[in-house]
Amino acid sequence: VQVVESGGGLVTPGVSLRLSCVAPGTTFSIFSVEWYRQPPGAQRAFLARTTADGRFEYSESVKGRFTVSRDNAKNAAYLEMDNLKPEDTATYYCYLGRKWWGHGAQVTVSA
């Protein structure tokens, strides 16, 4: 299974960014999709989850600022990140079905 993140980049503080996670050819709807991030020199940390039965869960560190969603028809999930801060700088990973990791998308927040 191939999992691909996209939508990262270099942005200034305060802006919004949406990451996408696609997994072509999968039965996407049966899988949970989780988002993690790994800042430079730090461990990978859980951010948010959308489950197959429609639940959403968030880490306290991003609750209210990040929103996870999914479009099963497109085999895709998204992470909308609002009011980005320099401390959000990290590589962001999609984790499909608690089995498959993407290669990551770099997000850099800098003035």
PDB file of N, CA and C in Angstrom:
ATOM      1  N   VAL A   1       0.847  -1.190   0.000  1.00  0.00           N
ATOM      2  CA  VAL A   1       0.000   0.000   0.000  1.00  0.00           C
ATOM      3  C   VAL A   1       0.882   1.240   0.000  1.00  0.00           C
ATOM      4  N   GLN A   2       0.608   2.152  -0.912  1.00  0.00           N
ATOM      5  CA  GLN A   2       1.373   3.387  -0.988  1.00  0.00           C
ATOM      6  C   GLN A   2       0.566   4.514  -0.378  1.00  0.00           C
ATOM      7  N   VAL A   3       1.180   5.213   0.566  1.00  0.00           N
ATOM      8  CA  VAL A   3       0.552   6.347   1.238  1.00  0.00           C
ATOM      9  C   VAL A   3       1.390   7.585   0.926  1.00  0.00           C
ATOM     10  N   VAL A   4       0.746   8.617   0.414  1.00  0.00           N
ATOM     11  CA  VAL A   4       1.484   9.792  -0.040  1.00  0.00           C
ATOM     12  C   VAL A   4       0.887  11.052   0.568  1.00  0.00           C
ATOM     13  N   GLU A   5       1.729  11.802   1.260  1.00  0.00           N
ATOM     14  CA  GLU A   5       1.320  13.100   1.785  1.00  0.00           C
ATOM     15  C   GLU A   5       1.726  14.200   0.809  1.00  0.00           C
ATOM     16  N   SER A   6       0.971  15.285   0.812  1.00  0.00           N
ATOM     17  CA  SER A   6       1.310  16.456   0.004  1.00  0.00           C
ATOM     18  C   SER A   6       0.723  17.687   0.655  1.00  0.00           C
ATOM     19  N   GLY A   7       1.178  18.857   0.181  1.00  0.00           N
ATOM     20  CA  GLY A   7       0.632  20.111   0.669  1.00  0.00           C
ATOM     21  C   GLY A   7       1.526  20.858   1.629  1.00  0.00           C
ATOM     22  N   GLY A   8       2.676  20.287   1.953  1.00  0.00           N
ATOM     23  CA  GLY A   8       3.595  20.984   2.838  1.00  0.00           C
ATOM     24  C   GLY A   8       4.268  22.159   2.143  1.00  0.00           C
ATOM     25  N   GLY A   9       5.068  22.892   2.915  1.00  0.00           N
ATOM     26  CA  GLY A   9       5.796  24.005   2.342  1.00  0.00           C
ATOM     27  C   GLY A   9       6.311  24.960   3.389  1.00  0.00           C
ATOM     28  N   LEU A  10       6.829  26.079   2.920  1.00  0.00           N
ATOM     29  CA  LEU A  10       7.334  27.150   3.784  1.00  0.00           C
ATOM     30  C   LEU A  10       6.271  28.240   3.862  1.00  0.00           C
ATOM     31  N   VAL A  11       5.814  28.528   5.078  1.00  0.00           N
ATOM     32  CA  VAL A  11       4.773  29.530   5.257  1.00  0.00           C
ATOM     33  C   VAL A  11       5.147  30.469   6.392  1.00  0.00           C
ATOM     34  N   THR A  12       4.480  31.602   6.433  1.00  0.00           N
ATOM     35  CA  THR A  12       4.709  32.568   7.503  1.00  0.00           C
ATOM     36  C   THR A  12       3.730  32.312   8.651  1.00  0.00           C
ATOM     37  N   PRO A  13       4.088  32.719   9.838  1.00  0.00           N
ATOM     38  CA  PRO A  13       3.197  32.500  10.983  1.00  0.00           C
ATOM     39  C   PRO A  13       1.818  33.119  10.780  1.00  0.00           C
ATOM     40  N   GLY A  14       0.803  32.388  11.257  1.00  0.00           N
ATOM     41  CA  GLY A  14      -0.560  32.891  11.200  1.00  0.00           C
ATOM     42  C   GLY A  14      -1.382  32.391  10.032  1.00  0.00           C
ATOM     43  N   VAL A  15      -0.730  31.825   9.032  1.00  0.00           N
ATOM     44  CA  VAL A  15      -1.474  31.358   7.866  1.00  0.00           C
ATOM     45  C   VAL A  15      -2.005  29.951   8.107  1.00  0.00           C
ATOM     46  N   SER A  16      -2.846  29.498   7.156  1.00  0.00           N
ATOM     47  CA  SER A  16      -3.383  28.139   7.204  1.00  0.00           C
ATOM     48  C   SER A  16      -2.768  27.305   6.093  1.00  0.00           C
ATOM     49  N   LEU A  17      -2.758  26.011   6.318  1.00  0.00           N
ATOM     50  CA  LEU A  17      -2.211  25.081   5.340  1.00  0.00           C
ATOM     51  C   LEU A  17      -3.018  23.794   5.440  1.00  0.00           C
ATOM     52  N   ARG A  18      -3.250  23.167   4.294  1.00  0.00           N
ATOM     53  CA  ARG A  18      -3.949  21.888   4.309  1.00  0.00           C
ATOM     54  C   ARG A  18      -3.062  20.802   3.719  1.00  0.00           C
ATOM     55  N   LEU A  19      -2.836  19.773   4.507  1.00  0.00           N
ATOM     56  CA  LEU A  19      -2.104  18.601   4.042  1.00  0.00           C
ATOM     57  C   LEU A  19      -3.089  17.556   3.533  1.00  0.00           C
ATOM     58  N   SER A  20      -2.668  16.826   2.525  1.00  0.00           N
ATOM     59  CA  SER A  20      -3.466  15.738   1.986  1.00  0.00           C
ATOM     60  C   SER A  20      -2.717  14.427   2.151  1.00  0.00           C
ATOM     61  N   CYS A  21      -3.497  13.364   2.280  1.00  0.00           N
ATOM     62  CA  CYS A  21      -2.951  12.018   2.373  1.00  0.00           C
ATOM     63  C   CYS A  21      -3.797  11.147   1.446  1.00  0.00           C
ATOM     64  N   VAL A  22      -3.158  10.545   0.462  1.00  0.00           N
ATOM     65  CA  VAL A  22      -3.884   9.683  -0.465  1.00  0.00           C
ATOM     66  C   VAL A  22      -3.274   8.293  -0.456  1.00  0.00           C
ATOM     67  N   ALA A  23      -4.120   7.327  -0.720  1.00  0.00           N
ATOM     68  CA  ALA A  23      -3.685   5.928  -0.788  1.00  0.00           C
ATOM     69  C   ALA A  23      -4.435   5.271  -1.941  1.00  0.00           C
ATOM     70  N   PRO A  24      -3.963   5.452  -3.147  1.00  0.00           N
ATOM     71  CA  PRO A  24      -4.661   4.933  -4.323  1.00  0.00           C
ATOM     72  C   PRO A  24      -4.817   3.422  -4.281  1.00  0.00           C
ATOM     73  N   GLY A  25      -5.975   2.970  -4.738  1.00  0.00           N
ATOM     74  CA  GLY A  25      -6.189   1.540  -4.866  1.00  0.00           C
ATOM     75  C   GLY A  25      -6.541   0.815  -3.595  1.00  0.00           C
ATOM     76  N   THR A  26      -6.738   1.538  -2.501  1.00  0.00           N
ATOM     77  CA  THR A  26      -7.090   0.876  -1.246  1.00  0.00           C
ATOM     78  C   THR A  26      -8.593   0.966  -0.999  1.00  0.00           C
ATOM     79  N   THR A  27      -9.064   0.122  -0.102  1.00  0.00           N
ATOM     80  CA  THR A  27     -10.437   0.254   0.392  1.00  0.00           C
ATOM     81  C   THR A  27     -10.377   1.239   1.545  1.00  0.00           C
ATOM     82  N   PHE A  28     -10.207   2.483   1.182  1.00  0.00           N
ATOM     83  CA  PHE A  28      -9.846   3.534   2.131  1.00  0.00           C
ATOM     84  C   PHE A  28     -10.843   3.650   3.276  1.00  0.00           C
ATOM     85  N   SER A  29     -12.110   3.432   2.976  1.00  0.00           N
ATOM     86  CA  SER A  29     -13.160   3.689   3.959  1.00  0.00           C
ATOM     87  C   SER A  29     -13.078   2.796   5.190  1.00  0.00           C
ATOM     88  N   ILE A  30     -12.394   1.668   5.091  1.00  0.00           N
ATOM     89  CA  ILE A  30     -12.358   0.757   6.227  1.00  0.00           C
ATOM     90  C   ILE A  30     -11.218   1.055   7.190  1.00  0.00           C
ATOM     91  N   PHE A  31     -10.393   2.033   6.842  1.00  0.00           N
ATOM     92  CA  PHE A  31      -9.206   2.300   7.640  1.00  0.00           C
ATOM     93  C   PHE A  31      -9.324   3.575   8.464  1.00  0.00           C
ATOM     94  N   SER A  32      -8.728   3.548   9.632  1.00  0.00           N
ATOM     95  CA  SER A  32      -8.501   4.792  10.342  1.00  0.00           C
ATOM     96  C   SER A  32      -7.337   5.516   9.673  1.00  0.00           C
ATOM     97  N   VAL A  33      -7.331   6.828   9.801  1.00  0.00           N
ATOM     98  CA  VAL A  33      -6.229   7.638   9.288  1.00  0.00           C
ATOM     99  C   VAL A  33      -5.748   8.533  10.412  1.00  0.00           C
ATOM    100  N   GLU A  34      -4.481   8.457  10.682  1.00  0.00           N
ATOM    101  CA  GLU A  34      -3.893   9.255  11.750  1.00  0.00           C
ATOM    102  C   GLU A  34      -2.836  10.189  11.168  1.00  0.00           C
ATOM    103  N   TRP A  35      -2.690  11.310  11.821  1.00  0.00           N
ATOM    104  CA  TRP A  35      -1.643  12.258  11.474  1.00  0.00           C
ATOM    105  C   TRP A  35      -0.682  12.404  12.654  1.00  0.00           C
ATOM    106  N   TYR A  36       0.586  12.408  12.310  1.00  0.00           N
ATOM    107  CA  TYR A  36       1.664  12.599  13.287  1.00  0.00           C
ATOM    108  C   TYR A  36       2.598  13.679  12.758  1.00  0.00           C
ATOM    109  N   ARG A  37       3.430  14.175  13.625  1.00  0.00           N
ATOM    110  CA  ARG A  37       4.495  15.064  13.160  1.00  0.00           C
ATOM    111  C   ARG A  37       5.767  14.811  13.967  1.00  0.00           C
ATOM    112  N   GLN A  38       6.873  15.127  13.336  1.00  0.00           N
ATOM    113  CA  GLN A  38       8.172  14.944  13.971  1.00  0.00           C
ATOM    114  C   GLN A  38       9.002  16.192  13.755  1.00  0.00           C
ATOM    115  N   PRO A  39       9.128  17.012  14.790  1.00  0.00           N
ATOM    116  CA  PRO A  39       9.970  18.204  14.672  1.00  0.00           C
ATOM    117  C   PRO A  39      11.442  17.802  14.606  1.00  0.00           C
ATOM    118  N   PRO A  40      12.299  18.689  14.154  1.00  0.00           N
ATOM    119  CA  PRO A  40      13.731  18.364  14.105  1.00  0.00           C
ATOM    120  C   PRO A  40      14.263  17.993  15.484  1.00  0.00           C
ATOM    121  N   GLY A  41      14.942  16.859  15.560  1.00  0.00           N
ATOM    122  CA  GLY A  41      15.544  16.438  16.812  1.00  0.00           C
ATOM    123  C   GLY A  41      14.585  15.915  17.859  1.00  0.00           C
ATOM    124  N   ALA A  42      13.327  15.717  17.487  1.00  0.00           N
ATOM    125  CA  ALA A  42      12.335  15.252  18.455  1.00  0.00           C
ATOM    126  C   ALA A  42      11.677  13.966  17.960  1.00  0.00           C
ATOM    127  N   GLN A  43      10.878  13.379  18.818  1.00  0.00           N
ATOM    128  CA  GLN A  43      10.195  12.138  18.461  1.00  0.00           C
ATOM    129  C   GLN A  43       8.901  12.433  17.704  1.00  0.00           C
ATOM    130  N   ARG A  44       8.441  11.441  16.971  1.00  0.00           N
ATOM    131  CA  ARG A  44       7.188  11.556  16.252  1.00  0.00           C
ATOM    132  C   ARG A  44       6.042  11.570  17.271  1.00  0.00           C
ATOM    133  N   ALA A  45       5.086  12.476  17.067  1.00  0.00           N
ATOM    134  CA  ALA A  45       4.003  12.643  18.026  1.00  0.00           C
ATOM    135  C   ALA A  45       2.652  12.633  17.326  1.00  0.00           C
ATOM    136  N   PHE A  46       1.683  12.027  17.972  1.00  0.00           N
ATOM    137  CA  PHE A  46       0.311  11.942  17.454  1.00  0.00           C
ATOM    138  C   PHE A  46      -0.343  13.316  17.447  1.00  0.00           C
ATOM    139  N   LEU A  47      -1.100  13.589  16.363  1.00  0.00           N
ATOM    140  CA  LEU A  47      -1.833  14.845  16.263  1.00  0.00           C
ATOM    141  C   LEU A  47      -3.351  14.635  16.211  1.00  0.00           C
ATOM    142  N   ALA A  48      -3.791  13.774  15.315  1.00  0.00           N
ATOM    143  CA  ALA A  48      -5.229  13.665  15.074  1.00  0.00           C
ATOM    144  C   ALA A  48      -5.544  12.341  14.395  1.00  0.00           C
ATOM    145  N   ARG A  49      -6.821  11.959  14.512  1.00  0.00           N
ATOM    146  CA  ARG A  49      -7.265  10.677  13.970  1.00  0.00           C
ATOM    147  C   ARG A  49      -8.694  10.802  13.444  1.00  0.00           C
ATOM    148  N   THR A  50      -8.955  10.206  12.292  1.00  0.00           N
ATOM    149  CA  THR A  50     -10.316  10.001  11.815  1.00  0.00           C
ATOM    150  C   THR A  50     -10.515   8.499  11.653  1.00  0.00           C
ATOM    151  N   THR A  51     -11.550   7.982  12.277  1.00  0.00           N
ATOM    152  CA  THR A  51     -11.760   6.538  12.278  1.00  0.00           C
ATOM    153  C   THR A  51     -12.743   6.121  11.181  1.00  0.00           C
ATOM    154  N   ALA A  52     -12.771   4.837  10.904  1.00  0.00           N
ATOM    155  CA  ALA A  52     -13.658   4.313   9.867  1.00  0.00           C
ATOM    156  C   ALA A  52     -15.123   4.520  10.228  1.00  0.00           C
ATOM    157  N   ASP A  53     -15.432   4.571  11.525  1.00  0.00           N
ATOM    158  CA  ASP A  53     -16.825   4.744  11.935  1.00  0.00           C
ATOM    159  C   ASP A  53     -17.181   6.203  12.200  1.00  0.00           C
ATOM    160  N   GLY A  54     -16.323   7.126  11.715  1.00  0.00           N
ATOM    161  CA  GLY A  54     -16.704   8.533  11.714  1.00  0.00           C
ATOM    162  C   GLY A  54     -16.322   9.347  12.929  1.00  0.00           C
ATOM    163  N   ARG A  55     -15.473   8.827  13.799  1.00  0.00           N
ATOM    164  CA  ARG A  55     -15.047   9.596  14.966  1.00  0.00           C
ATOM    165  C   ARG A  55     -13.790  10.402  14.651  1.00  0.00           C
ATOM    166  N   PHE A  56     -13.636  11.476  15.401  1.00  0.00           N
ATOM    167  CA  PHE A  56     -12.459  12.331  15.258  1.00  0.00           C
ATOM    168  C   PHE A  56     -11.831  12.524  16.633  1.00  0.00           C
ATOM    169  N   GLU A  57     -10.534  12.440  16.687  1.00  0.00           N
ATOM    170  CA  GLU A  57      -9.822  12.614  17.950  1.00  0.00           C
ATOM    171  C   GLU A  57      -8.604  13.487  17.709  1.00  0.00           C
ATOM    172  N   TYR A  58      -8.265  14.266  18.721  1.00  0.00           N
ATOM    173  CA  TYR A  58      -7.157  15.213  18.581  1.00  0.00           C
ATOM    174  C   TYR A  58      -6.261  15.196  19.805  1.00  0.00           C
ATOM    175  N   SER A  59      -4.997  15.458  19.551  1.00  0.00           N
ATOM    176  CA  SER A  59      -4.075  15.734  20.630  1.00  0.00           C
ATOM    177  C   SER A  59      -4.434  17.088  21.230  1.00  0.00           C
ATOM    178  N   GLU A  60      -4.254  17.224  22.526  1.00  0.00           N
ATOM    179  CA  GLU A  60      -4.533  18.499  23.180  1.00  0.00           C
ATOM    180  C   GLU A  60      -3.665  19.621  22.605  1.00  0.00           C
ATOM    181  N   SER A  61      -2.524  19.255  22.075  1.00  0.00           N
ATOM    182  CA  SER A  61      -1.589  20.277  21.580  1.00  0.00           C
ATOM    183  C   SER A  61      -2.106  20.992  20.334  1.00  0.00           C
ATOM    184  N   VAL A  62      -3.044  20.370  19.598  1.00  0.00           N
ATOM    185  CA  VAL A  62      -3.530  20.983  18.366  1.00  0.00           C
ATOM    186  C   VAL A  62      -5.046  21.141  18.333  1.00  0.00           C
ATOM    187  N   LYS A  63      -5.724  20.680  19.350  1.00  0.00           N
ATOM    188  CA  LYS A  63      -7.182  20.755  19.372  1.00  0.00           C
ATOM    189  C   LYS A  63      -7.630  22.207  19.257  1.00  0.00           C
ATOM    190  N   GLY A  64      -8.562  22.443  18.329  1.00  0.00           N
ATOM    191  CA  GLY A  64      -9.056  23.799  18.110  1.00  0.00           C
ATOM    192  C   GLY A  64      -8.326  24.549  17.017  1.00  0.00           C
ATOM    193  N   ARG A  65      -7.168  24.062  16.631  1.00  0.00           N
ATOM    194  CA  ARG A  65      -6.403  24.709  15.578  1.00  0.00           C
ATOM    195  C   ARG A  65      -6.250  23.838  14.332  1.00  0.00           C
ATOM    196  N   PHE A  66      -6.212  22.532  14.539  1.00  0.00           N
ATOM    197  CA  PHE A  66      -6.086  21.577  13.443  1.00  0.00           C
ATOM    198  C   PHE A  66      -7.403  20.823  13.292  1.00  0.00           C
ATOM    199  N   THR A  67      -7.759  20.512  12.048  1.00  0.00           N
ATOM    200  CA  THR A  67      -8.978  19.757  11.766  1.00  0.00           C
ATOM    201  C   THR A  67      -8.668  18.632  10.794  1.00  0.00           C
ATOM    202  N   VAL A  68      -9.059  17.416  11.171  1.00  0.00           N
ATOM    203  CA  VAL A  68      -8.849  16.268  10.308  1.00  0.00           C
ATOM    204  C   VAL A  68     -10.165  15.940   9.606  1.00  0.00           C
ATOM    205  N   SER A  69     -10.075  15.514   8.355  1.00  0.00           N
ATOM    206  CA  SER A  69     -11.263  15.123   7.603  1.00  0.00           C
ATOM    207  C   SER A  69     -10.871  14.049   6.604  1.00  0.00           C
ATOM    208  N   ARG A  70     -11.871  13.497   5.937  1.00  0.00           N
ATOM    209  CA  ARG A  70     -11.576  12.460   4.959  1.00  0.00           C
ATOM    210  C   ARG A  70     -12.618  12.487   3.858  1.00  0.00           C
ATOM    211  N   ASP A  71     -12.218  11.999   2.683  1.00  0.00           N
ATOM    212  CA  ASP A  71     -13.117  11.823   1.546  1.00  0.00           C
ATOM    213  C   ASP A  71     -12.856  10.421   1.015  1.00  0.00           C
ATOM    214  N   ASN A  72     -13.669   9.478   1.448  1.00  0.00           N
ATOM    215  CA  ASN A  72     -13.425   8.078   1.079  1.00  0.00           C
ATOM    216  C   ASN A  72     -13.550   7.850  -0.425  1.00  0.00           C
ATOM    217  N   ALA A  73     -14.389   8.630  -1.076  1.00  0.00           N
ATOM    218  CA  ALA A  73     -14.550   8.475  -2.523  1.00  0.00           C
ATOM    219  C   ALA A  73     -13.264   8.794  -3.266  1.00  0.00           C
ATOM    220  N   LYS A  74     -12.428   9.636  -2.654  1.00  0.00           N
ATOM    221  CA  LYS A  74     -11.155  10.008  -3.269  1.00  0.00           C
ATOM    222  C   LYS A  74      -9.973   9.286  -2.643  1.00  0.00           C
ATOM    223  N   ASN A  75     -10.280   8.343  -1.720  1.00  0.00           N
ATOM    224  CA  ASN A  75      -9.195   7.652  -0.990  1.00  0.00           C
ATOM    225  C   ASN A  75      -8.235   8.661  -0.382  1.00  0.00           C
ATOM    226  N   ALA A  76      -8.812   9.676   0.260  1.00  0.00           N
ATOM    227  CA  ALA A  76      -7.988  10.767   0.751  1.00  0.00           C
ATOM    228  C   ALA A  76      -8.421  11.223   2.138  1.00  0.00           C
ATOM    229  N   ALA A  77      -7.462  11.721   2.870  1.00  0.00           N
ATOM    230  CA  ALA A  77      -7.711  12.375   4.149  1.00  0.00           C
ATOM    231  C   ALA A  77      -6.936  13.686   4.161  1.00  0.00           C
ATOM    232  N   TYR A  78      -7.368  14.582   5.051  1.00  0.00           N
ATOM    233  CA  TYR A  78      -6.787  15.910   5.064  1.00  0.00           C
ATOM    234  C   TYR A  78      -6.517  16.366   6.491  1.00  0.00           C
ATOM    235  N   LEU A  79      -5.545  17.241   6.619  1.00  0.00           N
ATOM    236  CA  LEU A  79      -5.275  17.887   7.898  1.00  0.00           C
ATOM    237  C   LEU A  79      -5.209  19.381   7.630  1.00  0.00           C
ATOM    238  N   GLU A  80      -6.246  20.081   8.082  1.00  0.00           N
ATOM    239  CA  GLU A  80      -6.297  21.535   7.949  1.00  0.00           C
ATOM    240  C   GLU A  80      -5.644  22.137   9.179  1.00  0.00           C
ATOM    241  N   MET A  81      -4.639  22.969   8.959  1.00  0.00           N
ATOM    242  CA  MET A  81      -3.883  23.562  10.058  1.00  0.00           C
ATOM    243  C   MET A  81      -4.047  25.074   9.998  1.00  0.00           C
ATOM    244  N   ASP A  82      -4.609  25.633  11.043  1.00  0.00           N
ATOM    245  CA  ASP A  82      -4.872  27.074  11.082  1.00  0.00           C
ATOM    246  C   ASP A  82      -3.914  27.772  12.047  1.00  0.00           C
ATOM    247  N   ASN A  83      -3.726  29.064  11.798  1.00  0.00           N
ATOM    248  CA  ASN A  83      -2.900  29.899  12.679  1.00  0.00           C
ATOM    249  C   ASN A  83      -1.567  29.221  12.993  1.00  0.00           C
ATOM    250  N   LEU A  84      -0.858  28.885  11.945  1.00  0.00           N
ATOM    251  CA  LEU A  84       0.394  28.149  12.130  1.00  0.00           C
ATOM    252  C   LEU A  84       1.434  28.976  12.882  1.00  0.00           C
ATOM    253  N   LYS A  85       2.212  28.277  13.684  1.00  0.00           N
ATOM    254  CA  LYS A  85       3.227  28.888  14.532  1.00  0.00           C
ATOM    255  C   LYS A  85       4.586  28.283  14.210  1.00  0.00           C
ATOM    256  N   PRO A  86       5.658  28.978  14.518  1.00  0.00           N
ATOM    257  CA  PRO A  86       6.989  28.408  14.246  1.00  0.00           C
ATOM    258  C   PRO A  86       7.181  27.033  14.890  1.00  0.00           C
ATOM    259  N   GLU A  87       6.571  26.799  16.030  1.00  0.00           N
ATOM    260  CA  GLU A  87       6.719  25.499  16.696  1.00  0.00           C
ATOM    261  C   GLU A  87       5.957  24.381  15.998  1.00  0.00           C
ATOM    262  N   ASP A  88       5.177  24.717  14.970  1.00  0.00           N
ATOM    263  CA  ASP A  88       4.528  23.683  14.150  1.00  0.00           C
ATOM    264  C   ASP A  88       5.470  23.156  13.078  1.00  0.00           C
ATOM    265  N   THR A  89       6.645  23.734  12.959  1.00  0.00           N
ATOM    266  CA  THR A  89       7.623  23.246  11.992  1.00  0.00           C
ATOM    267  C   THR A  89       7.987  21.799  12.281  1.00  0.00           C
ATOM    268  N   ALA A  90       7.789  20.950  11.281  1.00  0.00           N
ATOM    269  CA  ALA A  90       8.002  19.515  11.464  1.00  0.00           C
ATOM    270  C   ALA A  90       7.783  18.800  10.138  1.00  0.00           C
ATOM    271  N   THR A  91       8.124  17.522  10.124  1.00  0.00           N
ATOM    272  CA  THR A  91       7.698  16.640   9.050  1.00  0.00           C
ATOM    273  C   THR A  91       6.400  15.985   9.495  1.00  0.00           C
ATOM    274  N   TYR A  92       5.388  16.071   8.655  1.00  0.00           N
ATOM    275  CA  TYR A  92       4.060  15.564   8.978  1.00  0.00           C
ATOM    276  C   TYR A  92       3.821  14.243   8.245  1.00  0.00           C
ATOM    277  N   TYR A  93       3.327  13.268   9.004  1.00  0.00           N
ATOM    278  CA  TYR A  93       3.145  11.924   8.468  1.00  0.00           C
ATOM    279  C   TYR A  93       1.690  11.485   8.573  1.00  0.00           C
ATOM    280  N   CYS A  94       1.276  10.749   7.561  1.00  0.00           N
ATOM    281  CA  CYS A  94      -0.018  10.087   7.546  1.00  0.00           C
ATOM    282  C   CYS A  94       0.195   8.605   7.864  1.00  0.00           C
ATOM    283  N   TYR A  95      -0.685   8.047   8.678  1.00  0.00           N
ATOM    284  CA  TYR A  95      -0.566   6.644   9.124  1.00  0.00           C
ATOM    285  C   TYR A  95      -1.907   5.989   8.849  1.00  0.00           C
ATOM    286  N   LEU A  96      -1.926   5.112   7.872  1.00  0.00           N
ATOM    287  CA  LEU A  96      -3.162   4.518   7.407  1.00  0.00           C
ATOM    288  C   LEU A  96      -3.405   3.170   8.058  1.00  0.00           C
ATOM    289  N   GLY A  97      -4.569   3.014   8.674  1.00  0.00           N
ATOM    290  CA  GLY A  97      -4.946   1.732   9.231  1.00  0.00           C
ATOM    291  C   GLY A  97      -4.015   1.193  10.291  1.00  0.00           C
ATOM    292  N   ARG A  98      -3.199   2.057  10.860  1.00  0.00           N
ATOM    293  CA  ARG A  98      -2.179   1.649  11.838  1.00  0.00           C
ATOM    294  C   ARG A  98      -1.271   0.567  11.264  1.00  0.00           C
ATOM    295  N   LYS A  99      -1.085   0.688   9.931  1.00  0.00           N
ATOM    296  CA  LYS A  99      -0.217  -0.289   9.268  1.00  0.00           C
ATOM    297  C   LYS A  99       0.812   0.381   8.354  1.00  0.00           C
ATOM    298  N   TRP A 100       0.386   1.438   7.639  1.00  0.00           N
ATOM    299  CA  TRP A 100       1.221   1.988   6.588  1.00  0.00           C
ATOM    300  C   TRP A 100       1.489   3.472   6.805  1.00  0.00           C
ATOM    301  N   TRP A 101       2.773   3.821   6.768  1.00  0.00           N
ATOM    302  CA  TRP A 101       3.207   5.206   6.895  1.00  0.00           C
ATOM    303  C   TRP A 101       3.487   5.803   5.527  1.00  0.00           C
ATOM    304  N   GLY A 102       3.191   7.095   5.396  1.00  0.00           N
ATOM    305  CA  GLY A 102       3.679   7.837   4.255  1.00  0.00           C
ATOM    306  C   GLY A 102       5.111   8.271   4.502  1.00  0.00           C
ATOM    307  N   HIS A 103       5.700   8.906   3.500  1.00  0.00           N
ATOM    308  CA  HIS A 103       7.085   9.355   3.608  1.00  0.00           C
ATOM    309  C   HIS A 103       7.215  10.729   4.251  1.00  0.00           C
ATOM    310  N   GLY A 104       6.096  11.395   4.436  1.00  0.00           N
ATOM    311  CA  GLY A 104       6.125  12.668   5.148  1.00  0.00           C
ATOM    312  C   GLY A 104       6.071  13.882   4.250  1.00  0.00           C
ATOM    313  N   ALA A 105       5.548  14.973   4.824  1.00  0.00           N
ATOM    314  CA  ALA A 105       5.504  16.265   4.148  1.00  0.00           C
ATOM    315  C   ALA A 105       6.107  17.304   5.087  1.00  0.00           C
ATOM    316  N   GLN A 106       7.044  18.070   4.570  1.00  0.00           N
ATOM    317  CA  GLN A 106       7.732  19.062   5.408  1.00  0.00           C
ATOM    318  C   GLN A 106       6.908  20.333   5.485  1.00  0.00           C
ATOM    319  N   VAL A 107       6.715  20.798   6.702  1.00  0.00           N
ATOM    320  CA  VAL A 107       6.070  22.084   6.938  1.00  0.00           C
ATOM    321  C   VAL A 107       7.032  22.950   7.737  1.00  0.00           C
ATOM    322  N   THR A 108       7.342  24.101   7.198  1.00  0.00           N
ATOM    323  CA  THR A 108       8.224  25.036   7.883  1.00  0.00           C
ATOM    324  C   THR A 108       7.485  26.352   8.061  1.00  0.00           C
ATOM    325  N   VAL A 109       7.409  26.800   9.311  1.00  0.00           N
ATOM    326  CA  VAL A 109       6.716  28.044   9.624  1.00  0.00           C
ATOM    327  C   VAL A 109       7.761  29.048  10.111  1.00  0.00           C
ATOM    328  N   SER A 110       7.973  30.072   9.324  1.00  0.00           N
ATOM    329  CA  SER A 110       9.032  31.015   9.645  1.00  0.00           C
ATOM    330  C   SER A 110       8.698  32.385   9.075  1.00  0.00           C
ATOM    331  N   ALA A 111       9.060  33.410   9.851  1.00  0.00           N
ATOM    332  CA  ALA A 111       8.860  34.769   9.363  1.00  0.00           C
ATOM    333  C   ALA A 111       9.974  35.159   8.406  1.00  0.00           C
TER     334      ALA A 111
END
